[in-house]
């Protein structure tokens, strides 16, 4: 809006408002629970508003439900594409143990929002013996663990564990796997890292019922210096 007068025109001012159907926000409180029957049940709270403050048809929302194990739903598996209601039971019978997450997005009048992400769960049967982990499964240009049941946690917001063909340190050089191995897991804190922190790399479950005296061994690497 501008004002015009005999002496000229004012500067303009503007206000904007979103019109038409809006994109729903993510559902909230998405929780996945593993039942005693081995099925995963998830529930969430419905999306209640549009991302831009516009209109969504709350009474007729549907949901897209996916399962994956990454940080997003980019490569997740579709479980339901037009689900109604705010609860869902995954019909999958899981094989060997792995980690899963669930992604749920709301759809209003054909317009889908972003996915909410659930907690992660360890599902499936424990790994049988022998359990061998070389951290050397190559997927494209990246190294992954051979078993998909490993979890990484930390006392800080960002855990430092990574899987690679070698550990590379700025001043100390390279640390290579022993015995011709092609991968390892490592955590590098750097010269200016916080000293008092805990980073955990935890395997999935192992079925040792057939072993009379099970043992577990590791190859452990350390880089001395700077008081570490």
Protein backbone atom coordinates (compact mmCIF):
# COMPACT_ATOMS: atom_id res chain seq x y z
CA UNK A 1 0.00 0.00 0.00
CA UNK A 2 1.24 3.49 -0.92
CA UNK A 3 -0.21 6.88 -0.18
CA UNK A 4 -0.39 9.42 -3.02
CA UNK A 5 -0.75 13.16 -2.42
CA UNK A 6 -0.18 16.43 -4.19
CA UNK A 7 3.42 16.46 -2.96
CA UNK A 8 4.17 12.96 -4.20
CA UNK A 9 3.94 9.36 -3.04
CA UNK A 10 4.97 7.66 0.17
CA UNK A 11 7.07 4.56 0.53
CA UNK A 12 5.06 1.36 0.34
CA UNK A 13 4.28 -1.08 3.17
CA UNK A 14 3.24 -4.71 2.74
CA UNK A 15 1.82 -7.64 4.66
CA UNK A 16 1.57 -11.21 3.41
CA UNK A 17 -0.78 -14.07 4.17
CA UNK A 18 -0.70 -17.69 2.99
CA UNK A 19 -3.77 -18.67 0.95
CA UNK A 20 -4.94 -22.04 -0.36
CA UNK A 21 -4.15 -25.52 0.96
CA UNK A 22 -1.04 -25.61 3.16
CA UNK A 23 1.49 -28.36 3.81
CA UNK A 24 0.89 -30.09 7.16
CA UNK A 25 3.61 -30.00 9.79
CA UNK A 26 5.19 -33.22 11.04
CA UNK A 27 3.20 -35.44 13.41
CA UNK A 28 4.41 -35.18 17.00
CA UNK A 29 5.34 -37.67 19.74
CA UNK A 30 6.11 -40.51 17.30
CA UNK A 31 7.02 -43.56 19.42
CA UNK A 32 7.91 -47.10 18.32
CA UNK A 33 7.52 -50.02 20.76
CA UNK A 34 8.54 -53.65 20.26
CA UNK A 35 5.87 -56.01 21.55
CA UNK A 36 6.36 -59.45 23.07
CA UNK A 37 5.12 -60.97 19.81
CA UNK A 38 8.04 -59.39 17.93
CA UNK A 39 5.81 -56.85 16.14
CA UNK A 40 6.55 -53.15 16.25
CA UNK A 41 3.69 -50.80 17.07
CA UNK A 42 3.96 -47.08 16.51
CA UNK A 43 1.73 -44.21 17.54
CA UNK A 44 1.80 -40.46 17.10
CA UNK A 45 -0.18 -37.27 17.51
CA UNK A 46 -1.86 -35.83 14.48
CA UNK A 47 -0.58 -32.79 12.61
CA UNK A 48 -2.66 -29.81 13.73
CA UNK A 49 -1.56 -26.89 11.55
CA UNK A 50 -0.06 -25.89 8.24
CA UNK A 51 3.65 -25.17 7.93
CA UNK A 52 2.95 -21.64 6.74
CA UNK A 53 0.00 -20.97 9.01
CA UNK A 54 -2.44 -21.85 6.24
CA UNK A 55 -5.35 -24.28 6.07
CA UNK A 56 -5.09 -28.07 6.29
CA UNK A 57 -8.01 -30.50 6.39
CA UNK A 58 -7.38 -31.88 9.88
CA UNK A 59 -10.48 -34.07 9.82
CA UNK A 60 -9.38 -35.99 6.71
CA UNK A 61 -5.61 -36.32 7.14
CA UNK A 62 -3.91 -39.48 5.95
CA UNK A 63 -0.39 -40.67 6.74
CA UNK A 64 2.58 -42.18 4.95
CA UNK A 65 4.39 -44.73 7.13
CA UNK A 66 7.94 -45.87 6.31
CA UNK A 67 10.68 -47.91 7.97
CA UNK A 68 14.42 -47.38 7.63
CA UNK A 69 17.60 -46.99 9.67
CA UNK A 70 19.07 -43.74 8.42
CA UNK A 71 18.79 -40.10 9.36
CA UNK A 72 15.98 -39.46 6.87
CA UNK A 73 13.29 -41.29 4.90
CA UNK A 74 15.30 -41.02 1.67
CA UNK A 75 15.84 -44.78 1.32
CA UNK A 76 13.17 -45.99 3.76
CA UNK A 77 10.75 -48.81 2.91
CA UNK A 78 7.11 -47.90 2.32
CA UNK A 79 4.76 -49.64 4.74
CA UNK A 80 1.55 -47.67 4.18
CA UNK A 81 0.77 -44.84 1.78
CA UNK A 82 -2.75 -43.85 2.73
CA UNK A 83 -3.08 -44.76 6.40
CA UNK A 84 -5.83 -43.29 8.55
CA UNK A 85 -5.61 -43.04 12.32
CA UNK A 86 -2.59 -42.40 14.53
CA UNK A 87 -1.49 -45.96 15.32
CA UNK A 88 0.15 -48.57 13.08
CA UNK A 89 1.45 -52.12 13.51
CA UNK A 90 4.34 -53.20 11.30
CA UNK A 91 3.41 -56.60 9.82
CA UNK A 92 7.04 -57.50 9.10
CA UNK A 93 8.54 -60.68 10.58
CA UNK A 94 12.14 -59.67 11.12
CA UNK A 95 15.03 -62.06 10.50
CA UNK A 96 18.49 -61.44 11.89
CA UNK A 97 18.76 -58.58 14.32
CA UNK A 98 18.99 -55.02 13.04
CA UNK A 99 18.19 -51.45 13.98
CA UNK A 100 15.09 -49.76 12.60
CA UNK A 101 13.44 -46.35 12.78
CA UNK A 102 10.01 -45.29 11.60
CA UNK A 103 9.05 -42.23 9.58
CA UNK A 104 5.53 -40.80 9.43
CA UNK A 105 4.36 -37.84 7.34
CA UNK A 106 0.90 -36.26 7.17
CA UNK A 107 -0.96 -35.69 3.90
CA UNK A 108 -3.70 -33.08 3.51
CA UNK A 109 -5.61 -32.93 0.23
CA UNK A 110 -2.73 -34.61 -1.59
CA UNK A 111 -0.05 -32.31 -0.08
CA UNK A 112 2.50 -34.20 2.05
CA UNK A 113 4.58 -32.69 4.82
CA UNK A 114 7.96 -33.70 6.18
CA UNK A 115 8.43 -36.92 8.11
CA UNK A 116 8.57 -37.24 11.87
CA UNK A 117 11.25 -39.72 13.04
CA UNK A 118 10.74 -42.29 15.79
CA UNK A 119 13.16 -43.65 18.34
CA UNK A 120 15.33 -46.50 17.07
CA UNK A 121 14.64 -50.12 17.95
CA UNK A 122 16.66 -53.33 17.87
CA UNK A 123 14.45 -55.97 16.21
CA UNK A 124 14.86 -59.55 15.00
CA UNK A 125 16.61 -62.60 16.38
CA UNK A 126 20.10 -62.37 17.96
CA UNK A 127 23.08 -63.04 15.71
CA UNK A 128 24.31 -66.62 15.70
CA UNK A 129 27.90 -67.65 16.40
CA UNK A 130 30.50 -67.11 15.19
CA UNK A 131 29.92 -63.36 15.37
CA UNK A 132 32.64 -61.63 13.34
CA UNK A 133 32.75 -57.89 12.75
CA UNK A 134 35.39 -56.29 10.54
CA UNK A 135 33.63 -52.97 9.88
CA UNK A 136 34.44 -53.34 6.19
CA UNK A 137 31.19 -53.68 4.24
CA UNK A 138 31.52 -51.34 1.26
CA UNK A 139 28.33 -49.59 0.15
CA UNK A 140 29.15 -47.20 -2.66
CA UNK A 141 31.98 -45.01 -1.40
CA UNK A 142 31.23 -45.66 2.26
CA UNK A 143 32.23 -48.30 4.79
CA UNK A 144 29.54 -49.81 7.00
CA UNK A 145 29.51 -52.41 9.75
CA UNK A 146 29.00 -56.00 8.61
CA UNK A 147 26.16 -56.33 11.15
CA UNK A 148 23.45 -53.69 11.10
CA UNK A 149 22.72 -54.05 14.83
CA UNK A 150 25.45 -51.74 16.15
CA UNK A 151 24.38 -48.63 18.04
CA UNK A 152 26.42 -45.48 18.59
CA UNK A 153 25.70 -43.27 21.58
CA UNK A 154 27.52 -40.48 23.36
CA UNK A 155 27.43 -38.33 26.47
CA UNK A 156 27.62 -35.37 24.08
CA UNK A 157 25.19 -34.27 21.38
CA UNK A 158 27.34 -35.57 18.53
CA UNK A 159 28.96 -39.03 18.81
CA UNK A 160 32.37 -39.47 17.22
CA UNK A 161 32.47 -43.13 16.18
CA UNK A 162 32.93 -43.75 12.46
CA UNK A 163 33.65 -46.76 10.22
CA UNK A 164 36.39 -46.48 7.61
CA UNK A 165 39.13 -48.33 5.72
CA UNK A 166 41.68 -46.67 8.01
CA UNK A 167 41.84 -44.10 10.77
CA UNK A 168 43.63 -40.93 9.74
CA UNK A 169 45.00 -38.51 12.32
CA UNK A 170 46.37 -35.10 11.38
CA UNK A 171 49.79 -35.37 13.07
CA UNK A 172 50.11 -39.08 13.79
CA UNK A 173 49.33 -40.40 10.30
CA UNK A 174 47.34 -43.47 9.34
CA UNK A 175 46.23 -46.43 11.44
CA UNK A 176 45.57 -49.50 9.28
CA UNK A 177 43.66 -52.69 10.24
CA UNK A 178 45.83 -55.69 11.16
CA UNK A 179 46.01 -59.02 9.32
CA UNK A 180 44.92 -57.58 5.99
CA UNK A 181 41.62 -56.25 7.28
CA UNK A 182 39.75 -53.74 5.17
CA UNK A 183 37.99 -51.71 7.82
CA UNK A 184 37.83 -50.55 11.43
CA UNK A 185 35.79 -48.39 13.78
CA UNK A 186 37.43 -45.35 15.33
CA UNK A 187 36.69 -42.27 17.40
CA UNK A 188 38.97 -39.24 16.97
CA UNK A 189 38.74 -36.40 19.47
CA UNK A 190 41.30 -34.07 17.92
CA UNK A 191 43.85 -31.95 19.73
CA UNK A 192 41.22 -29.59 21.07
CA UNK A 193 38.58 -32.13 21.98
CA UNK A 194 36.64 -32.24 25.25
CA UNK A 195 38.47 -34.68 27.53
CA UNK A 196 35.60 -35.67 29.79
CA UNK A 197 33.12 -37.40 27.52
CA UNK A 198 31.97 -40.96 26.81
CA UNK A 199 31.36 -42.47 23.39
CA UNK A 200 29.89 -45.95 23.11
CA UNK A 201 29.91 -48.44 20.27
CA UNK A 202 27.56 -51.28 21.24
CA UNK A 203 26.91 -54.49 19.37
CA UNK A 204 23.55 -56.17 19.02
CA UNK A 205 22.65 -59.36 20.87
CA UNK A 206 24.46 -62.64 20.24
CA UNK A 207 22.98 -66.11 20.72
CA UNK A 208 25.56 -67.99 22.82
CA UNK A 209 23.27 -70.82 23.96
CA UNK A 210 25.20 -73.35 21.85
CA UNK A 211 28.61 -72.35 23.23
CA UNK A 212 30.01 -74.00 26.37
CA UNK A 213 32.66 -71.33 27.04
CA UNK A 214 32.10 -68.36 24.72
CA UNK A 215 34.89 -65.81 24.39
CA UNK A 216 35.11 -62.50 22.60
CA UNK A 217 38.30 -60.89 21.33
CA UNK A 218 39.12 -57.49 19.82
CA UNK A 219 41.84 -55.79 17.89
CA UNK A 220 42.31 -52.49 19.72
CA UNK A 221 44.25 -49.54 18.32
CA UNK A 222 45.51 -46.54 20.22
CA UNK A 223 47.35 -43.40 19.20
CA UNK A 224 49.62 -42.08 21.96
CA UNK A 225 50.44 -38.43 22.47
CA UNK A 226 48.92 -35.31 23.97
CA UNK A 227 48.38 -37.14 27.25
CA UNK A 228 45.93 -39.68 25.81
